[in-house]
N, C-alpha and C. Protein backbone atom coordinates (compact mmCIF):
# COMPACT_ATOMS: atom_id res chain seq x y z
N MET A 1 -26.26 -28.77 -19.32
CA MET A 1 -24.75 -28.58 -19.16
C MET A 1 -24.78 -27.26 -18.39
N THR A 2 -24.15 -27.52 -17.04
CA THR A 2 -24.08 -26.22 -16.48
C THR A 2 -22.79 -25.14 -16.88
N THR A 3 -23.34 -23.95 -16.19
CA THR A 3 -22.14 -22.41 -16.89
C THR A 3 -21.67 -22.25 -15.24
N VAL A 4 -20.25 -22.54 -15.16
CA VAL A 4 -19.55 -21.67 -14.09
C VAL A 4 -19.27 -20.35 -14.78
N THR A 5 -19.56 -19.28 -13.96
CA THR A 5 -18.78 -18.12 -13.99
C THR A 5 -17.88 -17.36 -12.88
N ALA A 6 -17.30 -16.99 -13.51
CA ALA A 6 -16.06 -16.85 -12.13
C ALA A 6 -16.72 -15.41 -11.87
N THR A 7 -16.33 -14.89 -10.80
CA THR A 7 -16.56 -13.71 -10.14
C THR A 7 -15.63 -13.51 -9.52
N ARG A 8 -15.12 -12.18 -9.66
CA ARG A 8 -14.37 -11.20 -9.11
C ARG A 8 -14.26 -10.70 -7.64
N LYS A 9 -13.66 -10.79 -6.71
CA LYS A 9 -13.84 -10.67 -5.48
C LYS A 9 -13.56 -9.15 -5.32
N ARG A 10 -14.01 -8.27 -5.21
CA ARG A 10 -13.70 -6.80 -5.02
C ARG A 10 -13.66 -6.54 -3.30
N LYS A 11 -12.46 -6.04 -3.67
CA LYS A 11 -11.76 -5.75 -2.32
C LYS A 11 -11.69 -4.31 -1.58
N ALA A 12 -12.09 -4.63 -0.54
CA ALA A 12 -12.63 -3.50 0.13
C ALA A 12 -11.98 -2.06 -0.32
N ALA A 13 -12.76 -0.87 0.01
CA ALA A 13 -12.20 0.20 -0.36
C ALA A 13 -11.25 0.69 0.56
N PRO A 14 -10.03 1.28 0.61
CA PRO A 14 -8.97 1.37 1.24
C PRO A 14 -9.32 2.54 2.24
N LYS A 15 -9.28 2.69 3.26
CA LYS A 15 -9.24 3.18 4.61
C LYS A 15 -8.05 4.87 4.15
N SER A 16 -8.67 5.86 4.45
CA SER A 16 -7.91 7.42 4.27
C SER A 16 -6.54 7.03 4.95
N GLY A 17 -5.43 7.37 4.27
CA GLY A 17 -4.50 7.62 5.00
C GLY A 17 -3.08 6.01 4.69
N GLN A 18 -3.84 5.42 3.83
CA GLN A 18 -2.95 4.60 3.59
C GLN A 18 -2.36 4.88 2.34
N HIS A 19 -0.79 4.47 1.82
CA HIS A 19 -0.11 4.45 1.31
C HIS A 19 -0.32 4.44 0.33
N PRO A 20 -0.52 5.43 -1.29
CA PRO A 20 -1.24 5.40 -2.38
C PRO A 20 -0.33 4.30 -3.40
N GLU A 21 0.90 4.54 -2.95
CA GLU A 21 1.72 3.66 -3.99
C GLU A 21 1.32 2.07 -3.54
N ARG A 22 0.76 1.71 -2.72
CA ARG A 22 0.71 0.37 -2.56
C ARG A 22 -0.32 -0.21 -3.12
N LEU A 23 -1.46 0.96 -3.61
CA LEU A 23 -2.63 0.24 -4.10
C LEU A 23 -3.07 -0.08 -5.38
N ASP A 24 -4.26 -0.70 -5.63
CA ASP A 24 -4.06 -0.80 -7.18
C ASP A 24 -5.06 0.22 -7.67
N ASN A 25 -5.02 0.39 -9.13
CA ASN A 25 -5.48 1.30 -9.44
C ASN A 25 -7.35 1.18 -9.02
N TRP A 26 -8.02 0.19 -9.17
CA TRP A 26 -9.50 0.20 -8.69
C TRP A 26 -9.65 0.55 -7.18
N GLN A 27 -8.58 0.75 -6.06
CA GLN A 27 -8.67 1.38 -4.73
C GLN A 27 -8.29 2.78 -5.17
N LEU A 28 -7.61 3.41 -5.87
CA LEU A 28 -7.36 4.59 -5.96
C LEU A 28 -8.07 5.35 -6.59
N ALA A 29 -9.19 4.60 -7.30
CA ALA A 29 -10.34 5.05 -8.28
C ALA A 29 -11.26 5.45 -6.94
N ALA A 30 -11.57 4.50 -6.30
CA ALA A 30 -12.82 4.91 -5.20
C ALA A 30 -11.96 6.28 -3.82
N ILE A 31 -10.72 5.73 -3.63
CA ILE A 31 -10.32 7.34 -3.01
C ILE A 31 -10.75 8.37 -3.45
N CYS A 32 -10.53 8.57 -4.84
CA CYS A 32 -11.04 9.75 -5.79
C CYS A 32 -12.11 9.70 -5.33
N GLU A 33 -13.09 9.21 -5.94
CA GLU A 33 -14.01 8.95 -5.54
C GLU A 33 -14.79 9.67 -4.16
N ARG A 34 -14.22 9.30 -2.72
CA ARG A 34 -14.53 9.35 -1.72
C ARG A 34 -14.17 10.87 -1.91
N ALA A 35 -13.36 11.10 -2.37
CA ALA A 35 -12.61 12.55 -1.65
C ALA A 35 -13.55 13.29 -2.60
N ASN A 36 -13.88 13.50 -3.52
CA ASN A 36 -14.54 13.84 -4.39
C ASN A 36 -15.75 14.39 -4.07
N ARG A 37 -16.66 13.06 -3.14
CA ARG A 37 -18.04 13.72 -2.47
C ARG A 37 -17.68 14.53 -1.15
N ALA A 38 -16.57 14.29 -0.64
CA ALA A 38 -16.14 15.10 0.49
C ALA A 38 -16.03 16.54 0.11
N ILE A 39 -15.12 16.53 -1.10
CA ILE A 39 -14.80 17.58 -1.32
C ILE A 39 -16.42 18.92 -1.76
N ASN A 40 -16.93 18.18 -2.38
CA ASN A 40 -18.85 18.47 -2.89
C ASN A 40 -19.59 19.36 -2.05
N ALA A 41 -19.04 18.12 -0.51
CA ALA A 41 -20.06 18.62 0.46
C ALA A 41 -19.52 19.58 1.63
N ARG A 42 -18.35 20.01 1.04
CA ARG A 42 -17.75 21.14 1.76
C ARG A 42 -17.27 23.00 0.79
N VAL A 43 -17.61 22.49 -0.37
CA VAL A 43 -17.03 23.61 -1.49
C VAL A 43 -17.94 24.66 -1.03
N ASP A 44 -18.92 24.66 -0.73
CA ASP A 44 -19.32 26.21 -0.68
C ASP A 44 -19.44 27.03 1.05
N THR A 45 -18.76 25.98 2.15
CA THR A 45 -18.44 26.77 3.48
C THR A 45 -17.03 26.12 3.48
N ARG A 46 -16.31 26.06 2.65
CA ARG A 46 -15.00 25.51 2.99
C ARG A 46 -14.38 26.66 3.80
N HIS A 47 -14.32 27.97 4.04
CA HIS A 47 -13.49 29.05 4.85
C HIS A 47 -14.68 29.46 5.83
N GLU A 48 -15.59 29.11 5.71
CA GLU A 48 -16.41 29.68 6.78
C GLU A 48 -16.42 28.86 8.41
N LEU A 49 -16.57 27.27 8.31
CA LEU A 49 -16.27 26.90 9.36
C LEU A 49 -14.99 26.38 9.36
N ARG A 50 -14.17 25.98 10.99
CA ARG A 50 -12.80 25.29 10.65
C ARG A 50 -13.00 24.37 10.44
N GLU A 51 -13.83 23.35 10.71
CA GLU A 51 -14.16 22.26 10.34
C GLU A 51 -14.24 21.37 9.28
N SER A 52 -14.82 22.41 8.06
CA SER A 52 -14.85 22.43 7.16
C SER A 52 -14.10 22.74 6.24
N CYS A 53 -13.54 23.64 6.49
CA CYS A 53 -12.00 23.97 6.00
C CYS A 53 -10.91 22.87 6.29
N ILE A 54 -11.05 22.16 7.09
CA ILE A 54 -10.23 21.23 7.50
C ILE A 54 -10.10 20.10 6.61
N GLY A 55 -11.50 19.70 6.51
CA GLY A 55 -12.08 18.32 5.82
C GLY A 55 -11.84 18.46 4.71
N TYR A 56 -11.74 20.19 3.96
CA TYR A 56 -11.77 20.47 2.58
C TYR A 56 -10.45 20.33 2.45
N HIS A 57 -9.64 20.24 3.09
CA HIS A 57 -8.56 20.89 2.52
C HIS A 57 -7.64 19.32 2.93
N SER A 58 -7.90 18.32 3.61
CA SER A 58 -7.32 17.37 3.93
C SER A 58 -8.02 16.27 2.85
N ALA A 59 -9.57 16.17 2.03
CA ALA A 59 -10.16 15.85 1.19
C ALA A 59 -9.46 15.80 -0.44
N CYS A 60 -8.72 17.12 -0.81
CA CYS A 60 -8.36 17.84 -2.09
C CYS A 60 -7.05 17.19 -1.89
N ALA A 61 -6.11 16.97 -0.66
CA ALA A 61 -4.83 16.51 -0.78
C ALA A 61 -4.84 14.92 -0.69
N GLU A 62 -5.86 14.43 -0.24
CA GLU A 62 -5.71 12.98 -0.16
C GLU A 62 -6.39 12.58 -2.30
N TRP A 63 -7.02 13.74 -2.68
CA TRP A 63 -7.30 13.19 -3.89
C TRP A 63 -6.41 13.41 -4.80
N HIS A 64 -5.69 14.16 -4.33
CA HIS A 64 -4.41 14.69 -5.46
C HIS A 64 -3.13 13.63 -5.34
N ARG A 65 -2.70 13.34 -4.07
CA ARG A 65 -1.86 12.10 -3.92
C ARG A 65 -2.47 10.97 -4.64
N ALA A 66 -3.62 10.46 -4.77
CA ALA A 66 -4.26 9.40 -5.46
C ALA A 66 -3.98 9.38 -7.08
N ARG A 67 -4.44 10.67 -7.48
CA ARG A 67 -4.04 11.22 -8.79
C ARG A 67 -2.75 11.11 -9.26
N ALA A 68 -1.45 11.66 -8.21
CA ALA A 68 -0.51 11.63 -8.49
C ALA A 68 0.15 10.26 -8.87
N VAL A 69 -0.54 9.06 -8.17
CA VAL A 69 -0.15 7.66 -7.97
C VAL A 69 -0.59 7.04 -9.83
N ILE A 70 -2.01 7.48 -9.80
CA ILE A 70 -2.62 7.36 -11.23
C ILE A 70 -1.93 7.63 -12.37
N GLU A 71 -1.60 8.84 -12.14
CA GLU A 71 -0.92 9.97 -13.18
C GLU A 71 0.62 9.16 -13.34
N ALA A 72 1.26 8.77 -12.58
CA ALA A 72 2.38 8.26 -12.45
C ALA A 72 2.85 6.81 -13.20
N ARG A 73 1.72 6.07 -13.08
CA ARG A 73 1.19 4.49 -13.44
C ARG A 73 1.25 4.85 -15.38
N LYS A 74 0.84 5.93 -15.60
CA LYS A 74 0.21 6.01 -17.36
C LYS A 74 1.77 6.29 -18.43
N PRO A 75 1.83 5.58 -19.39
CA PRO A 75 2.98 5.80 -19.86
C PRO A 75 2.82 7.72 -20.39
N VAL A 76 4.16 8.04 -20.44
CA VAL A 76 4.28 10.04 -20.64
C VAL A 76 3.21 10.18 -21.91
N GLU A 77 3.18 9.63 -22.92
CA GLU A 77 2.57 10.11 -23.76
C GLU A 77 0.94 10.15 -23.75
N LEU A 78 0.54 9.53 -22.71
CA LEU A 78 -0.82 9.35 -22.41
C LEU A 78 -1.24 10.00 -21.31
N ALA A 79 -0.47 10.72 -20.11
CA ALA A 79 -0.86 11.40 -19.00
C ALA A 79 -1.19 12.90 -19.58
N LEU A 80 -2.02 13.24 -18.98
CA LEU A 80 -3.05 14.46 -19.33
C LEU A 80 -1.91 15.62 -18.80
N GLY A 81 -1.86 16.45 -19.30
CA GLY A 81 -1.26 17.85 -18.72
C GLY A 81 0.39 17.35 -18.72
N ALA A 82 0.93 16.25 -19.63
CA ALA A 82 2.35 16.11 -19.44
C ALA A 82 3.29 17.32 -20.28
N ASP A 83 3.89 17.99 -19.57
CA ASP A 83 4.70 18.67 -19.64
C ASP A 83 6.40 18.34 -19.20
N GLU A 84 7.31 20.01 -19.04
CA GLU A 84 8.56 19.26 -18.04
C GLU A 84 7.91 18.87 -17.19
N LEU A 85 7.33 19.24 -15.90
CA LEU A 85 6.72 19.19 -14.48
C LEU A 85 6.59 18.13 -14.62
N GLY A 86 5.52 16.83 -15.56
CA GLY A 86 4.70 16.17 -15.27
C GLY A 86 3.76 16.26 -14.51
N SER A 87 2.43 15.83 -14.84
CA SER A 87 1.46 15.80 -14.24
C SER A 87 1.20 14.86 -12.56
N SER A 88 2.07 13.98 -12.56
CA SER A 88 2.26 13.37 -11.32
C SER A 88 2.90 14.35 -10.02
N ALA A 89 3.64 14.49 -10.77
CA ALA A 89 4.65 15.98 -9.97
C ALA A 89 3.53 16.91 -9.52
N TRP A 90 2.98 17.75 -10.47
CA TRP A 90 1.98 18.44 -10.26
C TRP A 90 0.96 18.13 -9.21
N HIS A 91 0.44 16.89 -9.35
CA HIS A 91 -0.62 16.67 -8.35
C HIS A 91 -0.03 16.28 -6.49
N ARG A 92 1.50 15.96 -6.74
CA ARG A 92 2.12 15.95 -5.59
C ARG A 92 2.29 17.03 -4.67
N GLY A 93 2.55 18.51 -5.71
CA GLY A 93 2.72 19.55 -5.29
C GLY A 93 1.63 20.31 -4.69
N ARG A 94 0.19 19.73 -5.21
CA ARG A 94 -0.84 20.44 -5.31
C ARG A 94 -1.50 20.01 -3.56
N ALA A 95 -0.93 18.39 -3.52
CA ALA A 95 -1.07 17.94 -2.35
C ALA A 95 -0.53 18.79 -0.86
N VAL A 96 0.65 18.99 -1.37
CA VAL A 96 1.30 19.48 -0.47
C VAL A 96 0.55 20.79 0.15
N VAL A 97 0.26 21.46 -0.91
CA VAL A 97 -0.56 22.45 -0.84
C VAL A 97 -1.55 22.45 0.01
N HIS A 98 -2.51 21.80 -0.28
CA HIS A 98 -3.72 21.45 0.19
C HIS A 98 -3.31 20.81 1.93
N ASP A 99 -2.63 19.88 2.21
CA ASP A 99 -1.98 19.90 3.42
C ASP A 99 -1.40 20.96 4.13
N GLU A 100 -0.70 21.94 3.69
CA GLU A 100 -0.66 22.77 4.20
C GLU A 100 -1.53 23.78 5.02
N ALA A 101 -2.57 23.85 4.01
CA ALA A 101 -3.80 24.66 4.36
C ALA A 101 -4.67 23.94 5.14
N ALA A 102 -4.45 22.78 5.58
CA ALA A 102 -5.18 22.25 6.47
C ALA A 102 -4.46 22.30 8.01
N GLN A 103 -3.38 22.20 7.90
CA GLN A 103 -2.25 22.18 9.04
C GLN A 103 -2.42 23.69 9.37
N MET A 104 -2.35 24.83 8.76
CA MET A 104 -3.06 26.10 9.24
C MET A 104 -4.03 26.01 10.03
N ALA A 105 -4.95 25.47 9.17
CA ALA A 105 -6.63 26.05 9.76
C ALA A 105 -6.57 25.14 11.10
N ARG A 106 -5.66 24.10 11.19
CA ARG A 106 -5.62 23.43 12.32
C ARG A 106 -5.34 24.31 13.35
N GLU A 107 -4.06 24.92 13.49
CA GLU A 107 -3.13 25.60 14.26
C GLU A 107 -3.57 26.69 14.30
N GLU A 108 -4.74 27.76 13.40
CA GLU A 108 -4.59 28.68 13.68
C GLU A 108 -6.27 29.24 13.66
N GLY A 109 -7.08 28.02 13.34
CA GLY A 109 -8.39 28.19 13.73
C GLY A 109 -9.32 28.98 12.63
N GLY A 110 -8.73 28.49 11.10
CA GLY A 110 -9.10 29.34 9.96
C GLY A 110 -8.07 29.16 8.71
N VAL A 111 -8.77 29.25 7.80
CA VAL A 111 -7.63 29.67 6.86
C VAL A 111 -8.53 30.82 6.07
C-alpha cells in the first residue's frame, strides 16, 4: 500500500513594498522576520551613518505596517495591548513616524 502525502507549496516571501492587506499571515510573518533582521543589523549604528539610519527606519516602518495588519485580523479580545486606540492603529502610527524619520534622513543627510 502506498501512502500519498500532500505537501503544501509555500509561496515565495513577498518583496518589500507590497500592500500588506493583500498578503496572507505566512507572508506577513516573513516580512516581520526580514525587517527584524534588518533592524538588528543596524540598531547599534542607526544614527551614525545616513544609510544605516534610512535602512533602520525603513525596516521599522515595514515591520509596523505588517504588524498592524496582523493585529487587525485578530479578534479584539485577543489583540495584545488592545485599548481605546487599538494595537493596529498604534502600529500604523509608529510606521508613519518611522517613515517620516527615514524621509528626513534622506533629505537632510541624517537624523
